[in-house]
Amino acid sequence: MFKLMSLAAAAMLLAVPAAAQSAVGSDAASCNSGNGPAVLVNVSGLKNNVGKVRVQLYGSNPADFLAKGKKMRRVEVSARGSSMPVCIAVPKAGRYAIAVRHDANGDGKSGWSDGGGFSGNPNLSLTNLKPAYSKVAFNAGEGVTRINVVMNYRNGLSIRPVKG
């Protein structure tokens, strides 16, 4: 009987959805309080627990998207688990885009083993690693806006989510 109860309790703990986890990152208080304005980015499909996950926020100007020095904000956290809720504060309600990078080997440099993802989860390829702003832009409200970003990694000659 005790064994059965222990199994039931363990199953309940495992059933807690990722959205119920507390947000992480330097802006976590904006999401955990529910006040915002902020974006809670559920980053899923991480390849491993090594290195850092970097979430970058871009504003409403399509020309600034992924341009060097044009990000509005960056939050960097240690990779942990296959999914993690990262909070990033936004200055006000408006149109934004999110880019996520996973330094999958922990060397602090961009490389072929690293992963990436974007708001809107556009299809990526080796010849198209930078999606159009129109494919990734979303509207954030005054409170906490929730989005999902699925990470993609190089696999042979393709870029796709990790299977498993």
C-alpha atoms as a PDB file:
ATOM      1  CA  MET A   1       0.000   0.000   0.000  1.00  0.00           C
ATOM      2  CA  PHE A   2       2.787   2.417   0.940  1.00  0.00           C
ATOM      3  CA  LYS A   3       4.607   1.625  -2.311  1.00  0.00           C
ATOM      4  CA  LEU A   4       1.456   2.368  -4.330  1.00  0.00           C
ATOM      5  CA  MET A   5       0.964   5.702  -2.533  1.00  0.00           C
ATOM      6  CA  SER A   6       4.609   6.640  -3.145  1.00  0.00           C
ATOM      7  CA  LEU A   7       4.242   5.896  -6.849  1.00  0.00           C
ATOM      8  CA  ALA A   8       1.075   8.007  -7.021  1.00  0.00           C
ATOM      9  CA  ALA A   9       2.802  10.922  -5.279  1.00  0.00           C
ATOM     10  CA  ALA A  10       5.787  10.679  -7.627  1.00  0.00           C
ATOM     11  CA  ALA A  11       3.486  10.633 -10.659  1.00  0.00           C
ATOM     12  CA  MET A  12       1.740  13.795  -9.434  1.00  0.00           C
ATOM     13  CA  LEU A  13       5.068  15.595  -9.074  1.00  0.00           C
ATOM     14  CA  LEU A  14       6.114  14.611 -12.589  1.00  0.00           C
ATOM     15  CA  ALA A  15       2.780  15.777 -13.994  1.00  0.00           C
ATOM     16  CA  VAL A  16       3.402  19.439 -13.110  1.00  0.00           C
ATOM     17  CA  PRO A  17       3.478  21.277 -16.452  1.00  0.00           C
ATOM     18  CA  ALA A  18       6.451  23.427 -17.458  1.00  0.00           C
ATOM     19  CA  ALA A  19       4.235  26.524 -17.346  1.00  0.00           C
ATOM     20  CA  ALA A  20       3.800  25.983 -13.600  1.00  0.00           C
ATOM     21  CA  GLN A  21       7.550  26.247 -13.032  1.00  0.00           C
ATOM     22  CA  SER A  22       8.848  29.570 -11.793  1.00  0.00           C
ATOM     23  CA  ALA A  23      10.403  31.715 -14.470  1.00  0.00           C
ATOM     24  CA  VAL A  24      14.193  32.007 -14.437  1.00  0.00           C
ATOM     25  CA  GLY A  25      16.593  34.766 -15.389  1.00  0.00           C
ATOM     26  CA  SER A  26      17.398  38.259 -14.205  1.00  0.00           C
ATOM     27  CA  ASP A  27      13.873  39.445 -15.138  1.00  0.00           C
ATOM     28  CA  ALA A  28      12.066  36.524 -13.431  1.00  0.00           C
ATOM     29  CA  ALA A  29      10.259  38.768 -10.929  1.00  0.00           C
ATOM     30  CA  SER A  30       8.357  40.463 -13.788  1.00  0.00           C
ATOM     31  CA  CYS A  31       6.844  37.113 -14.810  1.00  0.00           C
ATOM     32  CA  ASN A  32       6.524  35.431 -11.423  1.00  0.00           C
ATOM     33  CA  SER A  33       4.570  38.398 -10.039  1.00  0.00           C
ATOM     34  CA  GLY A  34       2.316  38.363 -13.102  1.00  0.00           C
ATOM     35  CA  ASN A  35       2.623  42.144 -13.391  1.00  0.00           C
ATOM     36  CA  GLY A  36       4.762  42.506 -16.502  1.00  0.00           C
ATOM     37  CA  PRO A  37       5.039  43.859 -18.961  1.00  0.00           C
ATOM     38  CA  ALA A  38       7.153  40.835 -19.792  1.00  0.00           C
ATOM     39  CA  VAL A  39       7.407  37.805 -22.039  1.00  0.00           C
ATOM     40  CA  LEU A  40       7.594  34.336 -20.532  1.00  0.00           C
ATOM     41  CA  VAL A  41       9.501  32.294 -23.097  1.00  0.00           C
ATOM     42  CA  ASN A  42       9.044  28.547 -22.668  1.00  0.00           C
ATOM     43  CA  VAL A  43      12.254  27.285 -24.275  1.00  0.00           C
ATOM     44  CA  SER A  44      11.835  23.591 -25.124  1.00  0.00           C
ATOM     45  CA  GLY A  45      13.859  20.924 -26.877  1.00  0.00           C
ATOM     46  CA  LEU A  46      17.215  21.764 -25.309  1.00  0.00           C
ATOM     47  CA  LYS A  47      19.856  19.266 -26.425  1.00  0.00           C
ATOM     48  CA  ASN A  48      21.620  19.033 -23.044  1.00  0.00           C
ATOM     49  CA  ASN A  49      22.264  20.743 -19.696  1.00  0.00           C
ATOM     50  CA  VAL A  50      25.595  22.288 -20.694  1.00  0.00           C
ATOM     51  CA  GLY A  51      26.418  25.924 -21.310  1.00  0.00           C
ATOM     52  CA  LYS A  52      24.117  28.910 -21.411  1.00  0.00           C
ATOM     53  CA  VAL A  53      20.742  29.749 -22.898  1.00  0.00           C
ATOM     54  CA  ARG A  54      20.550  33.326 -24.170  1.00  0.00           C
ATOM     55  CA  VAL A  55      17.195  34.989 -24.858  1.00  0.00           C
ATOM     56  CA  GLN A  56      17.319  38.262 -26.803  1.00  0.00           C
ATOM     57  CA  LEU A  57      14.508  40.744 -27.339  1.00  0.00           C
ATOM     58  CA  TYR A  58      14.151  42.840 -30.501  1.00  0.00           C
ATOM     59  CA  GLY A  59      11.733  45.722 -31.039  1.00  0.00           C
ATOM     60  CA  SER A  60       9.312  46.601 -33.799  1.00  0.00           C
ATOM     61  CA  ASN A  61      11.856  47.703 -36.429  1.00  0.00           C
ATOM     62  CA  PRO A  62      12.432  44.776 -38.836  1.00  0.00           C
ATOM     63  CA  ALA A  63      15.843  46.213 -39.827  1.00  0.00           C
ATOM     64  CA  ASP A  64      17.064  45.799 -36.226  1.00  0.00           C
ATOM     65  CA  PHE A  65      16.170  42.096 -36.006  1.00  0.00           C
ATOM     66  CA  LEU A  66      19.396  40.107 -35.393  1.00  0.00           C
ATOM     67  CA  ALA A  67      21.514  43.148 -36.324  1.00  0.00           C
ATOM     68  CA  LYS A  68      24.669  43.533 -34.250  1.00  0.00           C
ATOM     69  CA  GLY A  69      24.111  45.893 -31.327  1.00  0.00           C
ATOM     70  CA  LYS A  70      20.372  46.283 -32.022  1.00  0.00           C
ATOM     71  CA  LYS A  71      18.876  43.954 -29.383  1.00  0.00           C
ATOM     72  CA  MET A  72      16.762  45.700 -26.769  1.00  0.00           C
ATOM     73  CA  ARG A  73      17.473  43.274 -23.958  1.00  0.00           C
ATOM     74  CA  ARG A  74      19.305  40.018 -23.227  1.00  0.00           C
ATOM     75  CA  VAL A  75      18.779  37.450 -20.485  1.00  0.00           C
ATOM     76  CA  GLU A  76      21.292  34.627 -20.081  1.00  0.00           C
ATOM     77  CA  VAL A  77      20.815  31.587 -17.842  1.00  0.00           C
ATOM     78  CA  SER A  78      22.530  28.249 -17.295  1.00  0.00           C
ATOM     79  CA  ALA A  79      20.993  25.445 -19.332  1.00  0.00           C
ATOM     80  CA  ARG A  80      18.993  22.967 -17.247  1.00  0.00           C
ATOM     81  CA  GLY A  81      16.498  20.357 -18.278  1.00  0.00           C
ATOM     82  CA  SER A  82      15.030  19.923 -21.735  1.00  0.00           C
ATOM     83  CA  SER A  83      12.606  22.806 -21.140  1.00  0.00           C
ATOM     84  CA  MET A  84      12.840  25.997 -19.129  1.00  0.00           C
ATOM     85  CA  PRO A  85      10.692  29.124 -18.676  1.00  0.00           C
ATOM     86  CA  VAL A  86      12.835  32.232 -19.176  1.00  0.00           C
ATOM     87  CA  CYS A  87      11.396  35.669 -18.440  1.00  0.00           C
ATOM     88  CA  ILE A  88      12.408  38.784 -20.315  1.00  0.00           C
ATOM     89  CA  ALA A  89      10.978  42.187 -19.431  1.00  0.00           C
ATOM     90  CA  VAL A  90       9.682  44.467 -22.189  1.00  0.00           C
ATOM     91  CA  PRO A  91       9.507  48.263 -21.903  1.00  0.00           C
ATOM     92  CA  LYS A  92       5.803  48.450 -22.805  1.00  0.00           C
ATOM     93  CA  ALA A  93       3.092  46.617 -24.701  1.00  0.00           C
ATOM     94  CA  GLY A  94       4.019  46.398 -28.367  1.00  0.00           C
ATOM     95  CA  ARG A  95       5.464  44.343 -31.213  1.00  0.00           C
ATOM     96  CA  TYR A  96       8.588  42.302 -30.499  1.00  0.00           C
ATOM     97  CA  ALA A  97      10.646  39.324 -31.654  1.00  0.00           C
ATOM     98  CA  ILE A  98      12.626  36.805 -29.602  1.00  0.00           C
ATOM     99  CA  ALA A  99      15.818  34.966 -30.575  1.00  0.00           C
ATOM    100  CA  VAL A 100      17.160  32.149 -28.382  1.00  0.00           C
ATOM    101  CA  ARG A 101      20.640  30.604 -28.555  1.00  0.00           C
ATOM    102  CA  HIS A 102      21.918  27.552 -26.671  1.00  0.00           C
ATOM    103  CA  ASP A 103      25.689  27.255 -26.288  1.00  0.00           C
ATOM    104  CA  ALA A 104      25.359  23.446 -26.286  1.00  0.00           C
ATOM    105  CA  ASN A 105      29.042  22.649 -25.689  1.00  0.00           C
ATOM    106  CA  GLY A 106      29.600  25.407 -23.123  1.00  0.00           C
ATOM    107  CA  ASP A 107      32.627  26.929 -24.855  1.00  0.00           C
ATOM    108  CA  GLY A 108      31.188  30.458 -24.960  1.00  0.00           C
ATOM    109  CA  LYS A 109      31.565  30.653 -28.754  1.00  0.00           C
ATOM    110  CA  SER A 110      29.093  30.190 -31.601  1.00  0.00           C
ATOM    111  CA  GLY A 111      29.562  26.825 -33.245  1.00  0.00           C
ATOM    112  CA  TRP A 112      27.914  24.012 -35.187  1.00  0.00           C
ATOM    113  CA  SER A 113      26.820  22.167 -32.040  1.00  0.00           C
ATOM    114  CA  ASP A 114      24.884  25.183 -30.739  1.00  0.00           C
ATOM    115  CA  GLY A 115      21.130  25.485 -31.065  1.00  0.00           C
ATOM    116  CA  GLY A 116      18.798  28.308 -31.866  1.00  0.00           C
ATOM    117  CA  GLY A 117      15.151  29.175 -31.994  1.00  0.00           C
ATOM    118  CA  PHE A 118      12.810  32.086 -32.534  1.00  0.00           C
ATOM    119  CA  SER A 119       9.386  33.287 -31.527  1.00  0.00           C
ATOM    120  CA  GLY A 120       6.906  31.918 -34.050  1.00  0.00           C
ATOM    121  CA  ASN A 121       9.080  28.790 -34.512  1.00  0.00           C
ATOM    122  CA  PRO A 122       9.878  29.345 -38.211  1.00  0.00           C
ATOM    123  CA  ASN A 123      11.468  26.610 -40.309  1.00  0.00           C
ATOM    124  CA  LEU A 124      15.240  26.963 -40.509  1.00  0.00           C
ATOM    125  CA  SER A 125      17.845  25.506 -42.872  1.00  0.00           C
ATOM    126  CA  LEU A 126      21.605  25.749 -43.346  1.00  0.00           C
ATOM    127  CA  THR A 127      20.962  28.350 -46.048  1.00  0.00           C
ATOM    128  CA  ASN A 128      18.270  30.187 -44.069  1.00  0.00           C
ATOM    129  CA  LEU A 129      19.330  30.644 -40.452  1.00  0.00           C
ATOM    130  CA  LYS A 130      17.823  34.143 -40.200  1.00  0.00           C
ATOM    131  CA  PRO A 131      14.042  34.113 -40.587  1.00  0.00           C
ATOM    132  CA  ALA A 132      12.105  37.138 -41.763  1.00  0.00           C
ATOM    133  CA  TYR A 133      10.956  39.466 -38.992  1.00  0.00           C
ATOM    134  CA  SER A 134       7.360  38.984 -40.147  1.00  0.00           C
ATOM    135  CA  LYS A 135       7.640  35.253 -39.301  1.00  0.00           C
ATOM    136  CA  VAL A 136       8.822  35.841 -35.725  1.00  0.00           C
ATOM    137  CA  ALA A 137       7.122  39.072 -34.608  1.00  0.00           C
ATOM    138  CA  PHE A 138       4.387  38.915 -31.963  1.00  0.00           C
ATOM    139  CA  ASN A 139       2.367  41.325 -29.853  1.00  0.00           C
ATOM    140  CA  ALA A 140       3.114  41.592 -26.140  1.00  0.00           C
ATOM    141  CA  GLY A 141       0.487  43.004 -23.808  1.00  0.00           C
ATOM    142  CA  GLU A 142       0.699  44.961 -20.554  1.00  0.00           C
ATOM    143  CA  GLY A 143       0.881  41.800 -18.421  1.00  0.00           C
ATOM    144  CA  VAL A 144       2.862  38.614 -19.033  1.00  0.00           C
ATOM    145  CA  THR A 145       2.744  37.321 -22.607  1.00  0.00           C
ATOM    146  CA  ARG A 146       3.538  33.617 -22.982  1.00  0.00           C
ATOM    147  CA  ILE A 147       5.286  32.232 -26.044  1.00  0.00           C
ATOM    148  CA  ASN A 148       6.904  28.899 -26.908  1.00  0.00           C
ATOM    149  CA  VAL A 149      10.265  28.546 -28.631  1.00  0.00           C
ATOM    150  CA  VAL A 150      11.368  25.123 -29.858  1.00  0.00           C
ATOM    151  CA  MET A 151      15.142  24.820 -30.164  1.00  0.00           C
ATOM    152  CA  ASN A 152      16.744  23.628 -33.412  1.00  0.00           C
ATOM    153  CA  TYR A 153      20.179  22.048 -33.878  1.00  0.00           C
ATOM    154  CA  ARG A 154      22.281  21.015 -36.851  1.00  0.00           C
ATOM    155  CA  ASN A 155      21.779  17.390 -37.787  1.00  0.00           C
ATOM    156  CA  GLY A 156      23.771  16.435 -40.866  1.00  0.00           C
ATOM    157  CA  LEU A 157      22.742  18.861 -43.577  1.00  0.00           C
ATOM    158  CA  SER A 158      19.549  20.000 -41.855  1.00  0.00           C
ATOM    159  CA  ILE A 159      18.494  22.192 -38.948  1.00  0.00           C
ATOM    160  CA  ARG A 160      15.708  20.734 -36.819  1.00  0.00           C
ATOM    161  CA  PRO A 161      14.536  20.005 -33.285  1.00  0.00           C
ATOM    162  CA  VAL A 162      16.273  17.211 -31.380  1.00  0.00           C
ATOM    163  CA  LYS A 163      14.311  13.973 -31.455  1.00  0.00           C
ATOM    164  CA  GLY A 164      13.635  12.184 -28.206  1.00  0.00           C
END
